[in-house]
Structure formats: C-alpha cells, structure tokens
Amino acid sequence: MTTVLASGVFDLLHYGHIRFLEEAKKKAGKESRLVVIVARDETVHRLKGSDPVIPEDQRRAIVESLEVVEEALLGFEDLDLTRVIQQLKPDLIAVGHDQDYICDQLIKIKKALEMDFEIIRIERFGKEDLNSSSKIKRRIVEGARTRE
C-alpha cells in the first residue's frame, strides 16, 4: 500500500485544506494511505509569530475525522522532518503551493538520507479571497469592525 504524507497547520479548516488533502490522496492512488502531520501550537507560534485559533489536539482530531485521511498525528515541536520521514517511511510527500521552505528541506533530506520518496506539489484551488486561515481571520476581524 502506498503511503502519502501531507502536513500543515490546518487552523480554521477551509476548502483549500480539504482539496489539498483530497488531491494528495488522489495522486497516491485508490489503494493508498494518507497520513497527515498537524503542526504543534508551539511550532506555529515560532514560525508565524501568533498562536493558532484552534488548539493542536482539536486540529488533529478534525483533520483525522475527514474521510480522506487515515491517520493524523501531531508533529514534532522542533519541526524535525527527517525524524518524521524515517518513522513513517512515506512513498510520496505532498507539498502545498505555499510550502516552498518545506519542499526545499525535503529535497535536502532525500539526498542526505538516500531515501526513495517522491515529492509532489499540490496546486492552489479556487478563488484566492478566502484560501488561507489568515485571510479568513482578517475577514472576521474586518466584519466585526464594520458592525461596531
């Protein structure tokens, strides 16, 4: 069975997240297993400078409840991609359109470990107006301000 690995914050789950995960599984084939790494709260804070709205344990449970996902795990706080790859041994790793840093790291890890996994880029879906949790948060704040 082919294992495909995807990762992300998945704060304020939206259509782009769903399509990303569906496409990752689709590219791996019908007889595949989708494992998703959900970023820890501390990791999100360190990388983005703010805390996620939804706590990590709830984000993980929400992602795992999606029909397309076989298993969702919390990532390592130190964002150790090498350790994740060595433990899960994925055949494919899906990278989002906005995950250039992770893609670059995966290329280095693949070369250093001489592991045989494929990196697949999943393109952006739908309109760009509400395709990120940050944009959704801004829209909520702007809506609250206009009602005041």
C-alpha atoms as a PDB file:
ATOM      1  CA  MET A   1       0.000   0.000   0.000  1.00  0.00           C
ATOM      2  CA  THR A   2       1.298   3.438  -0.954  1.00  0.00           C
ATOM      3  CA  THR A   3       1.677   5.882   1.934  1.00  0.00           C
ATOM      4  CA  VAL A   4       1.335   9.566   1.178  1.00  0.00           C
ATOM      5  CA  LEU A   5       2.339  12.132   3.780  1.00  0.00           C
ATOM      6  CA  ALA A   6       0.916  15.644   3.989  1.00  0.00           C
ATOM      7  CA  SER A   7       1.394  18.329   6.611  1.00  0.00           C
ATOM      8  CA  GLY A   8       0.130  21.712   7.665  1.00  0.00           C
ATOM      9  CA  VAL A   9      -1.318  23.842  10.414  1.00  0.00           C
ATOM     10  CA  PHE A  10      -4.979  23.307   9.454  1.00  0.00           C
ATOM     11  CA  ASP A  11      -6.217  26.179  11.609  1.00  0.00           C
ATOM     12  CA  LEU A  12      -9.754  27.188  10.648  1.00  0.00           C
ATOM     13  CA  LEU A  13     -10.120  24.283   8.245  1.00  0.00           C
ATOM     14  CA  HIS A  14     -11.260  25.553   4.843  1.00  0.00           C
ATOM     15  CA  TYR A  15     -11.901  24.386   1.288  1.00  0.00           C
ATOM     16  CA  GLY A  16      -8.242  24.758   0.269  1.00  0.00           C
ATOM     17  CA  HIS A  17      -7.216  22.368   3.059  1.00  0.00           C
ATOM     18  CA  ILE A  18      -9.826  19.813   2.010  1.00  0.00           C
ATOM     19  CA  ARG A  19      -8.815  19.966  -1.647  1.00  0.00           C
ATOM     20  CA  PHE A  20      -5.114  19.732  -0.727  1.00  0.00           C
ATOM     21  CA  LEU A  21      -5.721  16.508   1.198  1.00  0.00           C
ATOM     22  CA  GLU A  22      -8.054  15.072  -1.462  1.00  0.00           C
ATOM     23  CA  GLU A  23      -5.505  15.749  -4.202  1.00  0.00           C
ATOM     24  CA  ALA A  24      -2.655  14.280  -2.145  1.00  0.00           C
ATOM     25  CA  LYS A  25      -4.594  11.045  -1.731  1.00  0.00           C
ATOM     26  CA  LYS A  26      -5.735  11.060  -5.369  1.00  0.00           C
ATOM     27  CA  LYS A  27      -2.148  11.356  -6.634  1.00  0.00           C
ATOM     28  CA  ALA A  28      -1.172   8.370  -4.494  1.00  0.00           C
ATOM     29  CA  GLY A  29      -3.943   6.190  -5.949  1.00  0.00           C
ATOM     30  CA  LYS A  30      -7.022   4.405  -4.669  1.00  0.00           C
ATOM     31  CA  GLU A  31      -5.092   1.839  -2.645  1.00  0.00           C
ATOM     32  CA  SER A  32      -3.173   4.441  -0.671  1.00  0.00           C
ATOM     33  CA  ARG A  33      -2.984   5.591   2.908  1.00  0.00           C
ATOM     34  CA  LEU A  34      -2.975   9.326   3.715  1.00  0.00           C
ATOM     35  CA  VAL A  35      -1.127  10.294   6.891  1.00  0.00           C
ATOM     36  CA  VAL A  36      -1.264  13.949   7.912  1.00  0.00           C
ATOM     37  CA  ILE A  37       1.129  15.731  10.248  1.00  0.00           C
ATOM     38  CA  VAL A  38      -0.562  18.608  12.068  1.00  0.00           C
ATOM     39  CA  ALA A  39       1.746  21.359  13.307  1.00  0.00           C
ATOM     40  CA  ARG A  40       2.096  21.786  17.062  1.00  0.00           C
ATOM     41  CA  ASP A  41       0.908  25.037  18.672  1.00  0.00           C
ATOM     42  CA  GLU A  42       4.460  25.952  19.676  1.00  0.00           C
ATOM     43  CA  THR A  43       5.728  25.345  16.147  1.00  0.00           C
ATOM     44  CA  VAL A  44       3.008  27.580  14.691  1.00  0.00           C
ATOM     45  CA  HIS A  45       3.824  30.324  17.190  1.00  0.00           C
ATOM     46  CA  ARG A  46       7.532  30.127  16.412  1.00  0.00           C
ATOM     47  CA  LEU A  47       7.072  30.147  12.622  1.00  0.00           C
ATOM     48  CA  LYS A  48       4.151  32.551  12.250  1.00  0.00           C
ATOM     49  CA  GLY A  49       4.531  34.738  15.330  1.00  0.00           C
ATOM     50  CA  SER A  50       0.993  34.061  16.551  1.00  0.00           C
ATOM     51  CA  ASP A  51      -0.931  31.212  18.095  1.00  0.00           C
ATOM     52  CA  PRO A  52      -3.460  29.193  16.124  1.00  0.00           C
ATOM     53  CA  VAL A  53      -7.130  29.787  16.926  1.00  0.00           C
ATOM     54  CA  ILE A  54      -7.869  26.085  17.349  1.00  0.00           C
ATOM     55  CA  PRO A  55      -5.661  24.094  19.794  1.00  0.00           C
ATOM     56  CA  GLU A  56      -3.423  21.389  18.330  1.00  0.00           C
ATOM     57  CA  ASP A  57      -5.308  18.408  19.740  1.00  0.00           C
ATOM     58  CA  GLN A  58      -8.577  19.669  18.236  1.00  0.00           C
ATOM     59  CA  ARG A  59      -6.955  20.485  14.870  1.00  0.00           C
ATOM     60  CA  ARG A  60      -5.511  16.961  14.765  1.00  0.00           C
ATOM     61  CA  ALA A  61      -8.889  15.382  15.610  1.00  0.00           C
ATOM     62  CA  ILE A  62     -10.701  17.469  12.983  1.00  0.00           C
ATOM     63  CA  VAL A  63      -8.205  16.508  10.282  1.00  0.00           C
ATOM     64  CA  GLU A  64      -8.353  12.837  11.252  1.00  0.00           C
ATOM     65  CA  SER A  65     -12.159  12.903  11.065  1.00  0.00           C
ATOM     66  CA  LEU A  66     -12.005  13.683   7.341  1.00  0.00           C
ATOM     67  CA  GLU A  67     -12.945  10.685   5.211  1.00  0.00           C
ATOM     68  CA  VAL A  68      -9.852  11.009   3.021  1.00  0.00           C
ATOM     69  CA  VAL A  69      -7.430  10.846   5.996  1.00  0.00           C
ATOM     70  CA  GLU A  70      -6.414   7.511   7.507  1.00  0.00           C
ATOM     71  CA  GLU A  71      -4.330   8.976  10.324  1.00  0.00           C
ATOM     72  CA  ALA A  72      -3.430  12.407  11.669  1.00  0.00           C
ATOM     73  CA  LEU A  73      -0.501  12.910  14.033  1.00  0.00           C
ATOM     74  CA  LEU A  74       0.905  15.897  15.843  1.00  0.00           C
ATOM     75  CA  GLY A  75       4.299  16.918  14.516  1.00  0.00           C
ATOM     76  CA  PHE A  76       7.484  17.325  16.487  1.00  0.00           C
ATOM     77  CA  GLU A  77       7.879  20.735  18.114  1.00  0.00           C
ATOM     78  CA  ASP A  78      11.344  21.093  16.609  1.00  0.00           C
ATOM     79  CA  LEU A  79       9.868  20.561  13.101  1.00  0.00           C
ATOM     80  CA  ASP A  80      12.204  17.599  12.552  1.00  0.00           C
ATOM     81  CA  LEU A  81      11.183  16.454   9.074  1.00  0.00           C
ATOM     82  CA  THR A  82      13.964  13.878   8.954  1.00  0.00           C
ATOM     83  CA  ARG A  83      12.634  12.079  12.023  1.00  0.00           C
ATOM     84  CA  VAL A  84       9.063  12.120  10.652  1.00  0.00           C
ATOM     85  CA  ILE A  85      10.205  10.655   7.322  1.00  0.00           C
ATOM     86  CA  GLN A  86      12.356   7.992   8.992  1.00  0.00           C
ATOM     87  CA  GLN A  87       9.448   6.938  11.220  1.00  0.00           C
ATOM     88  CA  LEU A  88       6.662   6.941   8.636  1.00  0.00           C
ATOM     89  CA  LYS A  89       8.668   5.949   5.539  1.00  0.00           C
ATOM     90  CA  PRO A  90       6.250   7.565   3.059  1.00  0.00           C
ATOM     91  CA  ASP A  91       6.277   6.745  -0.631  1.00  0.00           C
ATOM     92  CA  LEU A  92       5.001  10.221  -1.546  1.00  0.00           C
ATOM     93  CA  ILE A  93       5.116  13.534   0.274  1.00  0.00           C
ATOM     94  CA  ALA A  94       2.544  16.123  -0.747  1.00  0.00           C
ATOM     95  CA  VAL A  95       3.612  19.750  -0.520  1.00  0.00           C
ATOM     96  CA  GLY A  96       1.213  22.674  -0.789  1.00  0.00           C
ATOM     97  CA  HIS A  97       1.577  25.517  -3.263  1.00  0.00           C
ATOM     98  CA  ASP A  98       2.813  27.788  -0.455  1.00  0.00           C
ATOM     99  CA  GLN A  99       5.236  25.335   1.189  1.00  0.00           C
ATOM    100  CA  ASP A 100       8.472  26.204  -0.645  1.00  0.00           C
ATOM    101  CA  TYR A 101      10.570  26.008   2.535  1.00  0.00           C
ATOM    102  CA  ILE A 102       9.327  22.500   3.299  1.00  0.00           C
ATOM    103  CA  CYS A 103       9.864  21.420  -0.308  1.00  0.00           C
ATOM    104  CA  ASP A 104      13.467  22.646  -0.199  1.00  0.00           C
ATOM    105  CA  GLN A 105      14.053  20.813   3.086  1.00  0.00           C
ATOM    106  CA  LEU A 106      12.586  17.593   1.689  1.00  0.00           C
ATOM    107  CA  ILE A 107      14.910  17.702  -1.311  1.00  0.00           C
ATOM    108  CA  LYS A 108      17.915  18.032   1.027  1.00  0.00           C
ATOM    109  CA  ILE A 109      16.658  15.229   3.291  1.00  0.00           C
ATOM    110  CA  LYS A 110      16.006  12.905   0.348  1.00  0.00           C
ATOM    111  CA  LYS A 111      19.550  13.433  -0.903  1.00  0.00           C
ATOM    112  CA  ALA A 112      21.178  13.146   2.537  1.00  0.00           C
ATOM    113  CA  LEU A 113      19.302  10.005   3.577  1.00  0.00           C
ATOM    114  CA  GLU A 114      19.285   8.489   0.093  1.00  0.00           C
ATOM    115  CA  MET A 115      15.618   7.671   0.624  1.00  0.00           C
ATOM    116  CA  ASP A 116      13.243   6.798  -2.159  1.00  0.00           C
ATOM    117  CA  PHE A 117      10.181   9.029  -1.801  1.00  0.00           C
ATOM    118  CA  GLU A 118       8.549  11.281  -4.348  1.00  0.00           C
ATOM    119  CA  ILE A 119       7.739  14.926  -3.631  1.00  0.00           C
ATOM    120  CA  ILE A 120       4.507  16.077  -5.233  1.00  0.00           C
ATOM    121  CA  ARG A 121       3.359  19.699  -5.402  1.00  0.00           C
ATOM    122  CA  ILE A 122      -0.374  20.303  -4.948  1.00  0.00           C
ATOM    123  CA  GLU A 123      -1.569  23.465  -6.677  1.00  0.00           C
ATOM    124  CA  ARG A 124      -3.872  26.134  -5.244  1.00  0.00           C
ATOM    125  CA  PHE A 125      -7.618  25.624  -5.575  1.00  0.00           C
ATOM    126  CA  GLY A 126     -10.488  28.024  -6.006  1.00  0.00           C
ATOM    127  CA  LYS A 127     -10.688  31.734  -5.514  1.00  0.00           C
ATOM    128  CA  GLU A 128      -7.860  33.484  -3.763  1.00  0.00           C
ATOM    129  CA  ASP A 129     -10.057  35.586  -1.460  1.00  0.00           C
ATOM    130  CA  LEU A 130     -10.524  33.017   1.355  1.00  0.00           C
ATOM    131  CA  ASN A 131      -7.883  30.404   0.601  1.00  0.00           C
ATOM    132  CA  SER A 132      -5.943  30.728   3.847  1.00  0.00           C
ATOM    133  CA  SER A 133      -6.725  30.766   7.542  1.00  0.00           C
ATOM    134  CA  SER A 134      -5.003  34.156   7.839  1.00  0.00           C
ATOM    135  CA  LYS A 135      -7.332  35.666   5.244  1.00  0.00           C
ATOM    136  CA  ILE A 136     -10.365  34.168   6.979  1.00  0.00           C
ATOM    137  CA  LYS A 137      -9.230  35.649  10.315  1.00  0.00           C
ATOM    138  CA  ARG A 138      -8.796  39.079   8.684  1.00  0.00           C
ATOM    139  CA  ARG A 139     -12.257  38.874   7.132  1.00  0.00           C
ATOM    140  CA  ILE A 140     -13.778  38.051  10.539  1.00  0.00           C
ATOM    141  CA  VAL A 141     -11.981  40.982  12.192  1.00  0.00           C
ATOM    142  CA  GLU A 142     -12.985  43.384   9.403  1.00  0.00           C
ATOM    143  CA  GLY A 143     -16.604  42.201   9.644  1.00  0.00           C
ATOM    144  CA  ALA A 144     -16.624  42.764  13.399  1.00  0.00           C
ATOM    145  CA  ARG A 145     -15.218  46.288  12.947  1.00  0.00           C
ATOM    146  CA  THR A 146     -17.841  47.295  10.392  1.00  0.00           C
ATOM    147  CA  ARG A 147     -20.638  46.151  12.721  1.00  0.00           C
ATOM    148  CA  GLU A 148     -19.376  48.272  15.618  1.00  0.00           C
END
